[in-house]
């Protein structure tokens, strides 16, 4: 009887303990559910905040000048000991543009969550570019972010200055050409038709030049707007195909390099940009393979982009950089392959590339200075032929009329 009671009591104790464990488990489960609900709520809020931050932003693209200012200010703040997050807050306060400020806010949010600055910049690839993002990433990994930002600002500033010089050198010839064509069209369409009825009323045999000018005048009066529209459509279509079709873009860029004087300017301009980018990447800690890949991504010219991609593949296979340059003398001059070979042998490839960049930048500047003097005679001959043709076409019939009146 005692044994039965003991067993019964033990069973009751076990049931009570099991019930207590069930109650405790339910309590823990409820607490876990509440925590999970809170977690889900916080995740939902975070997703909403991210979605809010990732709303479409207009005019996201940073100009080269804005990239220079961004890198310079960030380098100054980080070198002064200001934490990266606080530096970004300061830059946000200094930014007046709403869209640019929104970009910095998103970067701040990423950095605040523990991400790298390069990850935040990488979300705006079109604004900052592969080159800047890669230099910042290496600076973060090597602990030399402020130095890399300083290098980045200096190189971007040099690229911007070189681009301005090239554009300013091409503005004058373009302006003279457009002005000459505009004056000729004005004379042909508006002035010449007012004089022409005099010639036709006297029944005088018109010279060939006058008849050609008369044909051009009648054609422009009848089809001038259509011709202008066709030219505009052709230009738009050309730009569209250049931006959308890589083979066509490559074809156009390859043929531009074959144009006398202009091709040399484009070639040396791309060599300067390539040498500066490649040198800075090597100085920042990149290997040759990675530096070639990043340089290819940051190169706008499709011809040199393809060359950089091929260079990367050949370096992976164990080939030297100088050998690829030597095999492609149309894009890389002989002196460049020899200098790069010396740099590879002596272990000073980065310094050699920077020296080449400075050398070819001087070449570009000299070419720009001589560009106006070289093109000016061609433009003068072009203007003289057009204006002279119009003048002869108008004066010759007048001279014929005066001769017939004297007889």
Protein backbone atom coordinates (compact mmCIF):
# COMPACT_ATOMS: atom_id res chain seq x y z
CA UNK A 1 0.00 0.00 0.00
CA UNK A 2 2.85 2.25 0.85
CA UNK A 3 4.57 1.52 -2.43
CA UNK A 4 1.40 2.36 -4.36
CA UNK A 5 1.03 5.67 -2.52
CA UNK A 6 4.69 6.49 -3.18
CA UNK A 7 4.28 5.75 -6.85
CA UNK A 8 1.13 7.85 -6.91
CA UNK A 9 2.85 10.73 -5.16
CA UNK A 10 5.83 10.48 -7.51
CA UNK A 11 3.48 10.53 -10.49
CA UNK A 12 1.76 13.60 -9.14
CA UNK A 13 5.09 15.32 -8.60
CA UNK A 14 6.22 14.43 -12.14
CA UNK A 15 2.92 15.71 -13.60
CA UNK A 16 3.23 18.92 -11.64
CA UNK A 17 6.82 19.41 -12.79
CA UNK A 18 5.85 18.67 -16.37
CA UNK A 19 2.97 21.16 -16.14
CA UNK A 20 5.31 23.78 -14.73
CA UNK A 21 7.75 23.18 -17.57
CA UNK A 22 4.92 23.53 -20.11
CA UNK A 23 3.81 26.80 -18.54
CA UNK A 24 7.40 28.09 -18.53
CA UNK A 25 7.86 26.98 -22.15
CA UNK A 26 4.66 28.79 -23.17
CA UNK A 27 5.83 31.92 -21.37
CA UNK A 28 9.21 31.76 -23.12
CA UNK A 29 7.49 31.06 -26.43
CA UNK A 30 5.18 34.05 -25.97
CA UNK A 31 8.15 36.24 -25.08
CA UNK A 32 9.97 34.96 -28.16
CA UNK A 33 6.93 35.69 -30.31
CA UNK A 34 6.75 39.21 -28.89
CA UNK A 35 10.46 39.69 -29.54
CA UNK A 36 10.02 38.33 -33.05
CA UNK A 37 7.08 40.68 -33.60
CA UNK A 38 9.19 43.59 -32.36
CA UNK A 39 12.03 42.44 -34.58
CA UNK A 40 9.69 42.18 -37.56
CA UNK A 41 8.37 45.65 -36.80
CA UNK A 42 11.91 47.04 -36.57
CA UNK A 43 12.88 45.25 -39.80
CA UNK A 44 9.80 46.63 -41.50
CA UNK A 45 10.68 50.12 -40.27
CA UNK A 46 14.26 49.68 -41.48
CA UNK A 47 13.02 48.48 -44.86
CA UNK A 48 10.68 51.44 -45.07
CA UNK A 49 13.50 53.80 -44.13
CA UNK A 50 15.77 52.20 -46.74
CA UNK A 51 13.00 52.34 -49.32
CA UNK A 52 12.50 55.98 -48.47
CA UNK A 53 16.21 56.61 -48.82
CA UNK A 54 16.34 54.70 -52.09
CA UNK A 55 13.60 56.71 -53.74
CA UNK A 56 14.45 57.80 -57.32
CA UNK A 57 16.70 60.84 -57.34
CA UNK A 58 16.94 63.16 -60.30
CA UNK A 59 20.23 64.69 -61.45
CA UNK A 60 22.34 62.22 -59.48
CA UNK A 61 25.47 62.55 -61.57
CA UNK A 62 28.43 64.35 -60.00
CA UNK A 63 30.55 66.49 -62.28
CA UNK A 64 34.34 66.16 -62.14
CA UNK A 65 34.54 69.46 -60.25
CA UNK A 66 32.07 68.20 -57.63
CA UNK A 67 34.03 64.96 -57.25
CA UNK A 68 37.20 66.99 -56.68
CA UNK A 69 35.53 69.09 -53.97
CA UNK A 70 34.04 66.01 -52.32
CA UNK A 71 37.40 64.19 -52.20
CA UNK A 72 39.32 67.30 -51.09
CA UNK A 73 36.99 68.18 -48.21
CA UNK A 74 36.71 64.58 -47.04
CA UNK A 75 40.51 64.18 -47.17
CA UNK A 76 41.00 67.38 -45.15
CA UNK A 77 38.48 66.33 -42.48
CA UNK A 78 39.78 62.78 -42.09
CA UNK A 79 43.40 63.99 -41.98
CA UNK A 80 42.40 66.40 -39.21
CA UNK A 81 41.18 63.48 -37.10
CA UNK A 82 37.45 63.88 -37.69
CA UNK A 83 35.68 60.47 -37.84
CA UNK A 84 34.36 59.50 -41.25
CA UNK A 85 30.71 59.58 -40.17
CA UNK A 86 31.03 63.06 -38.65
CA UNK A 87 32.91 64.20 -41.77
CA UNK A 88 30.01 63.07 -43.94
CA UNK A 89 27.57 64.96 -41.70
CA UNK A 90 29.66 68.11 -42.19
CA UNK A 91 29.70 67.61 -45.96
CA UNK A 92 25.93 67.14 -45.92
CA UNK A 93 25.48 70.48 -44.16
CA UNK A 94 27.70 72.19 -46.74
CA UNK A 95 25.81 70.68 -49.70
CA UNK A 96 23.18 73.05 -51.10
CA UNK A 97 21.91 70.78 -53.89
CA UNK A 98 18.93 68.71 -52.79
CA UNK A 99 19.77 65.68 -54.95
CA UNK A 100 23.46 65.70 -53.96
CA UNK A 101 22.44 66.05 -50.32
CA UNK A 102 20.17 63.03 -50.67
CA UNK A 103 23.08 61.01 -52.02
CA UNK A 104 25.24 61.92 -49.00
CA UNK A 105 22.34 61.04 -46.66
CA UNK A 106 22.20 57.53 -48.14
CA UNK A 107 25.97 57.17 -47.78
CA UNK A 108 25.73 58.36 -44.17
CA UNK A 109 23.04 55.75 -43.48
CA UNK A 110 25.26 53.01 -44.89
CA UNK A 111 28.30 54.10 -42.87
CA UNK A 112 26.17 54.43 -39.73
CA UNK A 113 25.12 50.79 -40.16
CA UNK A 114 28.77 49.71 -40.17
CA UNK A 115 29.40 49.54 -43.91
CA UNK A 116 32.49 50.88 -45.64
CA UNK A 117 32.47 54.29 -47.28
CA UNK A 118 33.33 52.62 -50.59
CA UNK A 119 30.15 50.49 -50.30
CA UNK A 120 28.08 53.64 -49.94
CA UNK A 121 29.83 55.29 -52.90
CA UNK A 122 29.36 52.08 -54.89
CA UNK A 123 25.60 52.51 -54.75
CA UNK A 124 26.07 55.61 -56.91
CA UNK A 125 28.40 54.12 -59.46
CA UNK A 126 27.39 56.56 -62.21
CA UNK A 127 28.05 59.53 -59.94
CA UNK A 128 31.49 58.64 -58.57
CA UNK A 129 32.87 56.09 -61.05
CA UNK A 130 34.92 52.89 -60.66
CA UNK A 131 38.19 54.78 -60.31
CA UNK A 132 37.18 56.84 -57.27
CA UNK A 133 35.36 53.94 -55.58
CA UNK A 134 38.35 51.61 -56.01
CA UNK A 135 40.84 54.17 -54.67
CA UNK A 136 38.64 54.78 -51.61
CA UNK A 137 38.23 51.01 -51.01
CA UNK A 138 41.99 50.43 -51.06
CA UNK A 139 42.50 53.41 -48.76
CA UNK A 140 40.06 51.94 -46.25
CA UNK A 141 41.71 48.51 -46.36
CA UNK A 142 45.25 49.85 -46.05
CA UNK A 143 44.41 52.49 -43.41
CA UNK A 144 45.49 55.37 -45.67
CA UNK A 145 42.09 56.77 -46.61
CA UNK A 146 43.06 60.44 -46.24
CA UNK A 147 46.15 59.99 -48.43
CA UNK A 148 44.18 58.15 -51.09
CA UNK A 149 41.48 60.82 -51.07
CA UNK A 150 44.19 63.46 -51.55
CA UNK A 151 45.67 61.52 -54.48
CA UNK A 152 42.19 61.11 -55.92
CA UNK A 153 41.40 64.84 -55.68
CA UNK A 154 44.73 65.78 -57.30
CA UNK A 155 44.34 63.35 -60.19
CA UNK A 156 40.72 64.31 -60.85
CA UNK A 157 41.74 67.97 -60.81
CA UNK A 158 44.51 67.31 -63.35
CA UNK A 159 42.09 65.39 -65.58
CA UNK A 160 39.58 68.23 -65.38
CA UNK A 161 42.23 70.84 -66.27
CA UNK A 162 43.41 68.79 -69.24
CA UNK A 163 39.85 68.29 -70.48
CA UNK A 164 39.19 72.02 -70.26
CA UNK A 165 42.31 72.78 -72.30
CA UNK A 166 41.28 70.36 -75.04
CA UNK A 167 37.73 71.73 -75.19
CA UNK A 168 38.91 75.35 -75.23
CA UNK A 169 41.28 74.53 -78.09
CA UNK A 170 38.43 73.11 -80.16
CA UNK A 171 35.95 75.92 -79.41
CA UNK A 172 37.62 78.51 -81.67
CA UNK A 173 37.74 76.37 -84.85
CA UNK A 174 34.18 75.20 -84.25
CA UNK A 175 32.96 78.78 -83.77
CA UNK A 176 34.68 80.02 -86.94
CA UNK A 177 33.29 77.13 -88.98
CA UNK A 178 29.73 77.62 -87.75
CA UNK A 179 29.94 81.41 -88.25
CA UNK A 180 31.21 80.99 -91.83
CA UNK A 181 28.46 78.55 -92.74
CA UNK A 182 25.81 80.78 -91.12
CA UNK A 183 26.97 83.87 -93.05
CA UNK A 184 27.05 81.93 -96.32
CA UNK A 185 23.54 80.57 -95.77
CA UNK A 186 22.31 84.08 -94.91
CA UNK A 187 23.78 85.49 -98.13
CA UNK A 188 22.43 82.61 -100.23
CA UNK A 189 18.91 82.45 -98.79
CA UNK A 190 18.10 86.09 -98.02
CA UNK A 191 20.45 88.44 -99.91
CA UNK A 192 21.02 86.70 -103.24
CA UNK A 193 17.30 86.08 -104.04
CA UNK A 194 16.66 89.87 -103.82
CA UNK A 195 19.33 90.57 -106.45
CA UNK A 196 18.48 87.66 -108.74
CA UNK A 197 15.29 89.17 -110.31
CA UNK A 198 17.44 91.93 -111.81
CA UNK A 199 19.61 89.39 -113.62
CA UNK A 200 16.70 87.36 -114.94
CA UNK A 201 14.78 90.44 -116.18
CA UNK A 202 17.65 91.51 -118.46
CA UNK A 203 17.89 88.14 -120.21
CA UNK A 204 21.64 87.95 -119.71
CA UNK A 205 23.49 84.64 -119.95
CA UNK A 206 24.42 83.86 -116.35
CA UNK A 207 27.86 82.46 -115.51
CA UNK A 208 28.22 78.92 -114.18
CA UNK A 209 28.97 80.07 -110.62
CA UNK A 210 25.82 82.21 -110.57
CA UNK A 211 23.71 79.34 -111.85
CA UNK A 212 25.16 77.03 -109.19
CA UNK A 213 24.46 79.61 -106.50
CA UNK A 214 20.93 80.09 -107.89
CA UNK A 215 20.32 76.34 -107.67
CA UNK A 216 21.62 76.25 -104.09
CA UNK A 217 19.48 79.27 -103.19
CA UNK A 218 16.30 77.75 -104.64
CA UNK A 219 17.04 74.40 -102.99
CA UNK A 220 17.57 75.99 -99.56
CA UNK A 221 14.43 78.09 -99.89
CA UNK A 222 12.34 75.05 -100.80
CA UNK A 223 14.03 72.33 -98.77
CA UNK A 224 16.13 74.23 -96.24
CA UNK A 225 13.99 73.33 -93.22
CA UNK A 226 13.80 69.71 -94.34
CA UNK A 227 17.58 69.62 -94.74
CA UNK A 228 18.06 71.16 -91.29
CA UNK A 229 15.66 68.61 -89.80
CA UNK A 230 17.49 65.76 -91.55
CA UNK A 231 20.83 66.98 -90.18
CA UNK A 232 19.38 67.23 -86.66
CA UNK A 233 17.89 63.72 -86.91
CA UNK A 234 21.20 62.36 -88.22
CA UNK A 235 23.12 63.91 -85.32
CA UNK A 236 20.63 62.58 -82.76
CA UNK A 237 20.70 59.12 -84.36
CA UNK A 238 24.50 59.18 -84.39
CA UNK A 239 24.63 60.07 -80.69
CA UNK A 240 22.01 57.43 -79.91
CA UNK A 241 23.90 54.66 -81.71
CA UNK A 242 27.18 55.73 -80.12
CA UNK A 243 25.63 55.43 -76.66
CA UNK A 244 23.67 52.23 -77.27
CA UNK A 245 25.80 50.24 -79.74
CA UNK A 246 29.25 49.28 -78.48
CA UNK A 247 30.53 48.08 -81.90
CA UNK A 248 29.45 51.34 -83.54
CA UNK A 249 30.99 53.40 -80.70
CA UNK A 250 34.23 51.45 -81.12
CA UNK A 251 34.14 51.97 -84.91
CA UNK A 252 33.70 55.75 -84.57
CA UNK A 253 36.39 56.07 -81.87
CA UNK A 254 38.84 53.95 -83.88
CA UNK A 255 38.38 56.14 -86.97
CA UNK A 256 38.71 59.37 -84.99
CA UNK A 257 42.23 58.25 -84.05
CA UNK A 258 43.07 58.13 -87.78
CA UNK A 259 42.15 61.78 -88.40
CA UNK A 260 45.28 63.93 -88.80
CA UNK A 261 46.03 66.25 -85.88
CA UNK A 262 42.73 65.52 -84.10
CA UNK A 263 43.57 61.81 -83.87
CA UNK A 264 46.94 62.57 -82.32
CA UNK A 265 45.30 64.87 -79.78
CA UNK A 266 42.76 62.20 -78.82
CA UNK A 267 45.48 59.52 -78.61
CA UNK A 268 47.76 61.53 -76.32
CA UNK A 269 44.82 62.68 -74.20
CA UNK A 270 43.81 59.06 -73.56
CA UNK A 271 47.41 58.05 -72.85
CA UNK A 272 47.66 60.77 -70.19
CA UNK A 273 44.46 59.59 -68.50
CA UNK A 274 45.50 55.94 -68.71
CA UNK A 275 48.97 56.56 -67.23
CA UNK A 276 47.63 58.69 -64.39
CA UNK A 277 44.89 56.23 -63.46
CA UNK A 278 47.13 53.17 -63.69
CA UNK A 279 49.93 54.85 -61.72
CA UNK A 280 47.64 56.03 -58.92
CA UNK A 281 46.05 52.58 -58.59
CA UNK A 282 49.47 50.93 -58.32
CA UNK A 283 50.56 53.54 -55.77
CA UNK A 284 47.37 52.91 -53.77
CA UNK A 285 48.18 49.20 -53.40
CA UNK A 286 46.49 47.58 -56.40
CA UNK A 287 48.14 44.72 -58.25
CA UNK A 288 48.78 45.08 -61.98
CA UNK A 289 45.83 42.82 -62.89
CA UNK A 290 43.33 44.68 -60.69
CA UNK A 291 44.73 48.06 -61.75
CA UNK A 292 44.24 47.14 -65.42
CA UNK A 293 40.67 46.01 -64.72
CA UNK A 294 39.74 49.21 -62.87
CA UNK A 295 41.45 51.36 -65.50
CA UNK A 296 39.42 49.60 -68.20
CA UNK A 297 36.16 50.29 -66.33
CA UNK A 298 37.01 53.96 -65.76
CA UNK A 299 38.11 54.60 -69.38
CA UNK A 300 35.47 56.28 -71.53
CA UNK A 301 37.15 55.66 -74.88
CA UNK A 302 36.09 52.16 -76.09
CA UNK A 303 39.34 51.60 -78.00
CA UNK A 304 41.49 52.03 -74.90
CA UNK A 305 38.91 50.22 -72.77
CA UNK A 306 39.33 47.17 -75.00
CA UNK A 307 43.13 47.51 -74.88
CA UNK A 308 43.06 47.59 -71.07
CA UNK A 309 40.85 44.50 -70.95
CA UNK A 310 43.25 42.66 -73.25
CA UNK A 311 46.17 43.89 -71.14
CA UNK A 312 44.56 42.43 -68.02
CA UNK A 313 44.02 39.05 -69.69
CA UNK A 314 47.61 38.92 -70.91
CA UNK A 315 49.03 39.90 -67.52
CA UNK A 316 46.98 37.10 -65.95
CA UNK A 317 48.67 34.74 -68.40
CA UNK A 318 52.08 35.96 -67.21
CA UNK A 319 52.85 38.49 -69.93
CA UNK A 320 54.49 41.84 -69.23
CA UNK A 321 52.70 45.17 -69.63
CA UNK A 322 55.45 46.50 -71.90
CA UNK A 323 55.05 43.58 -74.31
CA UNK A 324 51.38 44.40 -74.89
CA UNK A 325 52.31 48.04 -75.56
CA UNK A 326 55.04 46.93 -77.94
CA UNK A 327 52.58 44.78 -79.90
CA UNK A 328 50.15 47.72 -80.33
CA UNK A 329 52.23 50.70 -81.54
CA UNK A 330 49.15 52.35 -83.09
CA UNK A 331 47.77 53.04 -79.59
CA UNK A 332 50.94 53.13 -77.49
CA UNK A 333 54.02 54.95 -78.87
CA UNK A 334 57.42 53.22 -78.87
CA UNK A 335 58.86 55.42 -76.14
CA UNK A 336 56.03 54.33 -73.88
CA UNK A 337 56.73 50.61 -74.24
CA UNK A 338 60.47 51.17 -73.64
CA UNK A 339 59.88 53.30 -70.52
CA UNK A 340 57.37 50.82 -69.10
CA UNK A 341 59.84 47.99 -69.68
CA UNK A 342 62.45 49.90 -67.66
CA UNK A 343 59.88 50.56 -64.92
CA UNK A 344 58.94 46.88 -64.72
CA UNK A 345 62.58 45.81 -64.57
CA UNK A 346 63.53 48.32 -61.87
CA UNK A 347 60.32 47.91 -59.86
CA UNK A 348 59.30 51.56 -60.36
CA UNK A 349 56.36 51.05 -62.73
CA UNK A 350 54.10 53.49 -60.84
CA UNK A 351 56.68 56.31 -60.98
CA UNK A 352 57.44 55.57 -64.63
CA UNK A 353 53.76 55.79 -65.58
CA UNK A 354 53.41 59.07 -63.71
CA UNK A 355 56.45 60.43 -65.56
CA UNK A 356 54.89 59.38 -68.86
CA UNK A 357 51.61 61.06 -67.86
CA UNK A 358 53.43 64.34 -67.20
CA UNK A 359 55.40 63.99 -70.43
CA UNK A 360 52.36 63.41 -72.62
CA UNK A 361 50.41 66.11 -70.82
CA UNK A 362 53.09 68.56 -71.93
CA UNK A 363 52.77 67.12 -75.44
CA UNK A 364 49.01 67.70 -75.35
CA UNK A 365 49.48 71.28 -74.12
CA UNK A 366 51.97 72.00 -76.92
CA UNK A 367 49.62 70.44 -79.44
CA UNK A 368 46.74 72.55 -78.13
CA UNK A 369 48.85 75.72 -78.38
CA UNK A 370 49.76 74.88 -81.98
CA UNK A 371 46.27 73.70 -82.86
CA UNK A 372 44.89 77.18 -83.51
CA UNK A 373 47.87 78.20 -85.61
CA UNK A 374 47.67 74.91 -87.52
CA UNK A 375 43.93 75.04 -88.16
CA UNK A 376 43.71 78.80 -88.77
CA UNK A 377 45.13 78.69 -92.33
CA UNK A 378 42.73 75.87 -93.22
CA UNK A 379 39.80 77.83 -91.80
CA UNK A 380 40.90 80.98 -93.65
CA UNK A 381 41.08 79.08 -96.96
CA UNK A 382 37.68 77.52 -96.24
CA UNK A 383 36.13 80.90 -95.45
CA UNK A 384 37.79 82.51 -98.46
CA UNK A 385 36.48 79.88 -100.84
CA UNK A 386 32.90 80.15 -99.61
CA UNK A 387 32.77 83.94 -99.41
CA UNK A 388 34.70 84.27 -102.66
CA UNK A 389 32.32 81.89 -104.43
CA UNK A 390 29.31 83.91 -103.30
CA UNK A 391 30.98 87.21 -104.22
CA UNK A 392 32.01 86.00 -107.70
CA UNK A 393 28.53 84.58 -108.30
CA UNK A 394 26.96 87.99 -107.56
CA UNK A 395 29.56 90.32 -109.07
CA UNK A 396 30.11 88.48 -112.38
CA UNK A 397 26.52 88.99 -113.70
CA UNK A 398 26.63 92.65 -112.62
CA UNK A 399 29.84 93.10 -114.60
CA UNK A 400 28.24 91.38 -117.63
CA UNK A 401 25.20 93.70 -117.39
CA UNK A 402 27.36 96.84 -117.27
CA UNK A 403 29.32 95.64 -120.32
CA UNK A 404 26.13 95.11 -122.32
CA UNK A 405 24.78 98.52 -121.31
CA UNK A 406 28.01 100.21 -122.52
CA UNK A 407 27.69 98.51 -125.91
